[in-house]
Amino acid sequence: MSLLNWKQIKTVLLDMDGTLLDLHFDNHFWLDHLPRKMAQAQGISFEQAVTNLKAEYAKVQGTIDWYCLDFWARKLDIDIMATKREISHLIQMRSDTIPFIDALKASGREVILLTNAHPNSLALKVEHTQLDRHIDQLISTHEFGVTKESQLLWQRLQQRLQFNPQTTLFVDDSLTILQAAKTFGIAHLLGISNPDSQKPPVQFNDFPAVHDYGVLLADIRKHVI
């Protein structure tokens, strides 16, 4: 049995970090590299820096500030983009991403990247992966001032793109965001069970999920629109 009803899917919205790219870069940056920089700058232990940063993260998680590099640069008094570039060699595409996107494109479907990442972070990742060569549109939710966790984002996005929720597939590694998309009315939803190559798989109980896009390719190619 097919995991998704490809006969009904015309538009595909794809998250970026953890969905198309290995989430290891982001997890390592926010949970290890940045705390080490902060510990050094403030003369505190790494453990204390982690504790302090996690408290700050919790205050804004899910909001546009959580994803805003300008917000963190001001808050922490550090050049976030320069600090990201220090470990930019860790930015990696998932090995199954390009075959998946190319199959979607070859089948006639519109493919749009929809990320909460700050535009500068998106640009850095495009610089290292050339994702823009494979996708019809690249959209950062910062353009709308709200995140994918918010129903307002989905309303504004639908107004801009004029997509039909009933014929749209949304793929993301975040359960919270998938639930927000479901609430809005996106009919086809897919989770990613292995967003970070260095961490154990994630369990999805309420949505279909894959660990390798390869399992979808035959069905995509079978249902060309």
Protein backbone atom coordinates (compact mmCIF):
# COMPACT_ATOMS: atom_id res chain seq x y z
CA MET A 1 0.00 0.00 0.00
CA SER A 2 1.27 3.47 -0.93
CA LEU A 3 2.31 5.70 1.98
CA LEU A 4 0.74 8.75 0.27
CA ASN A 5 -2.04 9.25 -2.27
CA TRP A 6 0.07 10.70 -5.08
CA LYS A 7 -2.93 10.88 -7.42
CA GLN A 8 -4.21 13.77 -5.27
CA ILE A 9 -0.91 15.64 -4.75
CA LYS A 10 -0.01 18.55 -7.04
CA THR A 11 1.99 20.91 -4.78
CA VAL A 12 4.80 19.84 -2.45
CA LEU A 13 5.97 22.08 0.40
CA LEU A 14 9.29 21.01 1.91
CA ASP A 15 10.92 22.04 5.16
CA MET A 16 14.70 22.47 4.96
CA ASP A 17 16.63 21.64 8.15
CA GLY A 18 16.15 18.00 9.08
CA THR A 19 14.01 17.40 6.00
CA LEU A 20 16.29 18.20 3.07
CA LEU A 21 19.47 18.91 5.04
CA ASP A 22 21.02 16.96 7.89
CA LEU A 23 19.91 18.64 11.14
CA HIS A 24 23.31 17.83 12.70
CA PHE A 25 24.71 21.22 11.66
CA ASP A 26 21.97 23.15 13.46
CA ASN A 27 21.93 20.97 16.56
CA HIS A 28 25.70 21.15 16.84
CA PHE A 29 25.69 24.92 16.38
CA TRP A 30 23.00 25.78 18.95
CA LEU A 31 23.78 23.10 21.53
CA ASP A 32 27.57 22.86 21.34
CA HIS A 33 29.44 25.41 19.22
CA LEU A 34 27.58 28.54 20.34
CA PRO A 35 27.69 27.62 24.05
CA ARG A 36 31.46 27.11 23.76
CA LYS A 37 31.83 30.55 22.19
CA MET A 38 29.67 32.08 24.91
CA ALA A 39 31.57 30.30 27.69
CA GLN A 40 34.84 31.63 26.34
CA ALA A 41 33.50 35.17 25.92
CA GLN A 42 31.91 35.32 29.37
CA GLY A 43 34.50 33.36 31.32
CA ILE A 44 32.03 30.71 32.48
CA SER A 45 31.95 26.94 32.16
CA PHE A 46 30.57 25.24 29.07
CA GLU A 47 27.89 23.61 31.25
CA GLN A 48 26.79 26.97 32.61
CA ALA A 49 26.68 28.45 29.10
CA VAL A 50 24.48 25.56 27.94
CA THR A 51 22.14 26.09 30.89
CA ASN A 52 21.93 29.84 30.25
CA LEU A 53 21.31 29.46 26.53
CA LYS A 54 18.66 26.77 26.94
CA ALA A 55 16.78 29.11 29.29
CA GLU A 56 16.90 31.84 26.64
CA TYR A 57 15.86 29.42 23.89
CA ALA A 58 12.84 28.30 25.92
CA LYS A 59 11.57 31.88 26.22
CA VAL A 60 11.09 32.28 22.47
CA GLN A 61 10.79 28.74 21.10
CA GLY A 62 8.31 28.51 18.24
CA THR A 63 8.27 32.27 17.65
CA ILE A 64 9.99 34.22 14.89
CA ASP A 65 12.64 35.39 17.39
CA TRP A 66 13.76 31.80 18.00
CA TYR A 67 14.70 31.54 14.32
CA CYS A 68 15.96 35.13 13.95
CA LEU A 69 19.72 35.48 13.73
CA ASP A 70 19.46 39.25 14.24
CA PHE A 71 17.60 38.66 17.51
CA TRP A 72 20.31 36.32 18.82
CA ALA A 73 23.12 38.58 17.63
CA ARG A 74 21.63 41.42 19.71
CA LYS A 75 20.70 39.21 22.64
CA LEU A 76 24.09 37.51 22.93
CA ASP A 77 26.26 40.30 21.54
CA ILE A 78 27.91 37.93 19.08
CA ASP A 79 28.16 37.75 15.28
CA ILE A 80 25.93 34.73 14.71
CA MET A 81 26.59 34.45 10.97
CA ALA A 82 30.36 34.55 11.45
CA THR A 83 30.03 31.92 14.16
CA LYS A 84 27.92 29.73 11.86
CA ARG A 85 30.50 30.00 9.11
CA GLU A 86 33.14 28.60 11.48
CA ILE A 87 31.44 25.21 11.23
CA SER A 88 29.77 25.57 7.82
CA HIS A 89 31.64 22.49 6.62
CA LEU A 90 29.03 20.52 8.60
CA ILE A 91 26.21 21.71 6.31
CA GLN A 92 25.24 18.57 4.44
CA MET A 93 22.40 17.54 2.16
CA ARG A 94 20.61 14.32 3.02
CA SER A 95 21.81 11.71 0.55
CA ASP A 96 18.23 10.96 -0.54
CA THR A 97 17.19 14.60 -1.05
CA ILE A 98 18.12 15.28 -4.67
CA PRO A 99 16.68 12.02 -6.08
CA PHE A 100 13.45 12.82 -4.22
CA ILE A 101 13.20 16.43 -5.42
CA ASP A 102 14.16 15.53 -8.97
CA ALA A 103 11.49 12.80 -9.06
CA LEU A 104 8.89 15.30 -7.83
CA LYS A 105 9.90 17.81 -10.49
CA ALA A 106 9.97 15.18 -13.25
CA SER A 107 6.44 14.13 -12.25
CA GLY A 108 5.15 17.64 -12.94
CA ARG A 109 4.58 18.72 -9.37
CA GLU A 110 5.42 22.18 -8.03
CA VAL A 111 8.14 21.98 -5.37
CA ILE A 112 8.51 24.80 -2.83
CA LEU A 113 10.90 25.07 0.09
CA LEU A 114 9.25 26.54 3.19
CA THR A 115 11.62 27.14 6.09
CA ASN A 116 11.54 28.97 9.40
CA ALA A 117 15.25 29.64 8.92
CA HIS A 118 16.40 33.26 8.81
CA PRO A 119 17.09 34.48 5.23
CA ASN A 120 20.83 34.72 5.98
CA SER A 121 20.87 31.15 7.25
CA LEU A 122 18.94 30.04 4.17
CA ALA A 123 21.46 31.84 1.95
CA LEU A 124 24.39 30.15 3.72
CA LYS A 125 22.86 26.73 3.20
CA VAL A 126 22.04 27.41 -0.44
CA GLU A 127 25.65 28.53 -0.88
CA HIS A 128 26.84 25.13 0.37
CA THR A 129 24.20 22.89 -1.23
CA GLN A 130 22.87 24.67 -4.36
CA LEU A 131 19.35 23.66 -3.34
CA ASP A 132 18.00 26.54 -5.40
CA ARG A 133 18.92 24.69 -8.59
CA HIS A 134 16.36 22.00 -7.85
CA ILE A 135 13.40 23.83 -6.27
CA ASP A 136 10.82 26.17 -7.82
CA GLN A 137 10.68 28.65 -4.92
CA LEU A 138 12.60 29.18 -1.69
CA ILE A 139 10.54 30.87 1.04
CA SER A 140 11.61 31.92 4.53
CA THR A 141 8.73 32.49 6.93
CA HIS A 142 10.53 35.66 8.05
CA GLU A 143 8.97 37.23 4.94
CA PHE A 144 5.61 36.87 6.73
CA GLY A 145 6.77 37.73 10.25
CA VAL A 146 5.37 34.50 11.72
CA THR A 147 6.46 30.88 11.81
CA LYS A 148 5.02 27.59 10.57
CA GLU A 149 3.79 26.97 14.12
CA SER A 150 1.27 29.81 13.57
CA GLN A 151 -2.01 29.54 11.66
CA LEU A 152 -1.41 33.10 10.46
CA LEU A 153 1.59 31.88 8.48
CA TRP A 154 -0.46 29.27 6.66
CA GLN A 155 -3.18 31.80 5.89
CA ARG A 156 -0.68 34.31 4.48
CA LEU A 157 1.19 31.64 2.55
CA GLN A 158 -2.02 30.34 0.97
CA GLN A 159 -2.97 33.88 -0.04
CA ARG A 160 0.39 34.34 -1.76
CA LEU A 161 0.77 30.96 -3.45
CA GLN A 162 -2.91 30.15 -4.01
CA PHE A 163 -2.24 26.46 -3.37
CA ASN A 164 -5.10 24.05 -2.72
CA PRO A 165 -4.67 22.49 0.76
CA GLN A 166 -6.48 19.37 -0.46
CA THR A 167 -3.88 18.72 -3.17
CA THR A 168 -0.82 19.79 -1.17
CA LEU A 169 1.81 17.63 0.54
CA PHE A 170 3.83 19.13 3.39
CA VAL A 171 6.98 17.41 4.64
CA ASP A 172 8.64 18.38 7.95
CA ASP A 173 10.59 16.79 10.79
CA SER A 174 8.70 18.70 13.52
CA LEU A 175 5.58 17.11 15.01
CA THR A 176 4.38 20.50 16.28
CA ILE A 177 4.63 22.04 12.81
CA LEU A 178 2.97 19.06 11.11
CA GLN A 179 0.09 19.43 13.55
CA ALA A 180 -0.18 23.14 12.70
CA ALA A 181 -0.35 22.30 9.00
CA LYS A 182 -3.02 19.69 9.68
CA THR A 183 -5.06 22.23 11.66
CA PHE A 184 -4.90 24.59 8.69
CA GLY A 185 -6.20 21.85 6.42
CA ILE A 186 -3.18 20.52 4.55
CA ALA A 187 -4.44 17.11 3.47
CA HIS A 188 -1.17 15.25 2.89
CA LEU A 189 1.49 15.26 5.60
CA LEU A 190 4.77 13.40 6.00
CA GLY A 191 7.27 13.27 8.85
CA ILE A 192 11.01 12.59 8.73
CA SER A 193 12.10 10.05 11.31
CA ASN A 194 15.87 10.63 11.02
CA PRO A 195 16.41 14.41 10.80
CA ASP A 196 19.82 14.34 12.53
CA SER A 197 22.24 11.70 11.26
CA GLN A 198 24.04 11.73 14.62
CA LYS A 199 20.95 11.11 16.78
CA PRO A 200 18.46 8.24 17.23
CA PRO A 201 15.33 8.14 15.05
CA VAL A 202 12.24 10.12 16.01
CA GLN A 203 8.91 8.36 16.48
CA PHE A 204 5.84 9.68 14.64
CA ASN A 205 2.54 8.22 15.81
CA ASP A 206 0.04 10.62 14.24
CA PHE A 207 1.54 11.01 10.75
CA PRO A 208 3.15 8.75 8.17
CA ALA A 209 6.94 9.08 8.24
CA VAL A 210 9.97 7.92 6.28
CA HIS A 211 13.67 7.57 6.98
CA ASP A 212 14.61 7.37 3.29
CA TYR A 213 12.84 9.14 0.43
CA GLY A 214 13.84 6.23 -1.79
CA VAL A 215 10.75 4.34 -0.63
CA LEU A 216 8.59 7.00 -2.32
CA LEU A 217 10.27 7.24 -5.71
CA ALA A 218 8.44 4.41 -7.51
CA ASP A 219 5.01 5.77 -6.51
CA ILE A 220 5.97 9.34 -7.49
CA ARG A 221 7.10 8.19 -10.93
CA LYS A 222 3.98 6.11 -11.34
CA HIS A 223 1.70 9.11 -10.78
CA VAL A 224 2.81 11.82 -13.18
CA ILE A 225 0.53 14.86 -13.39
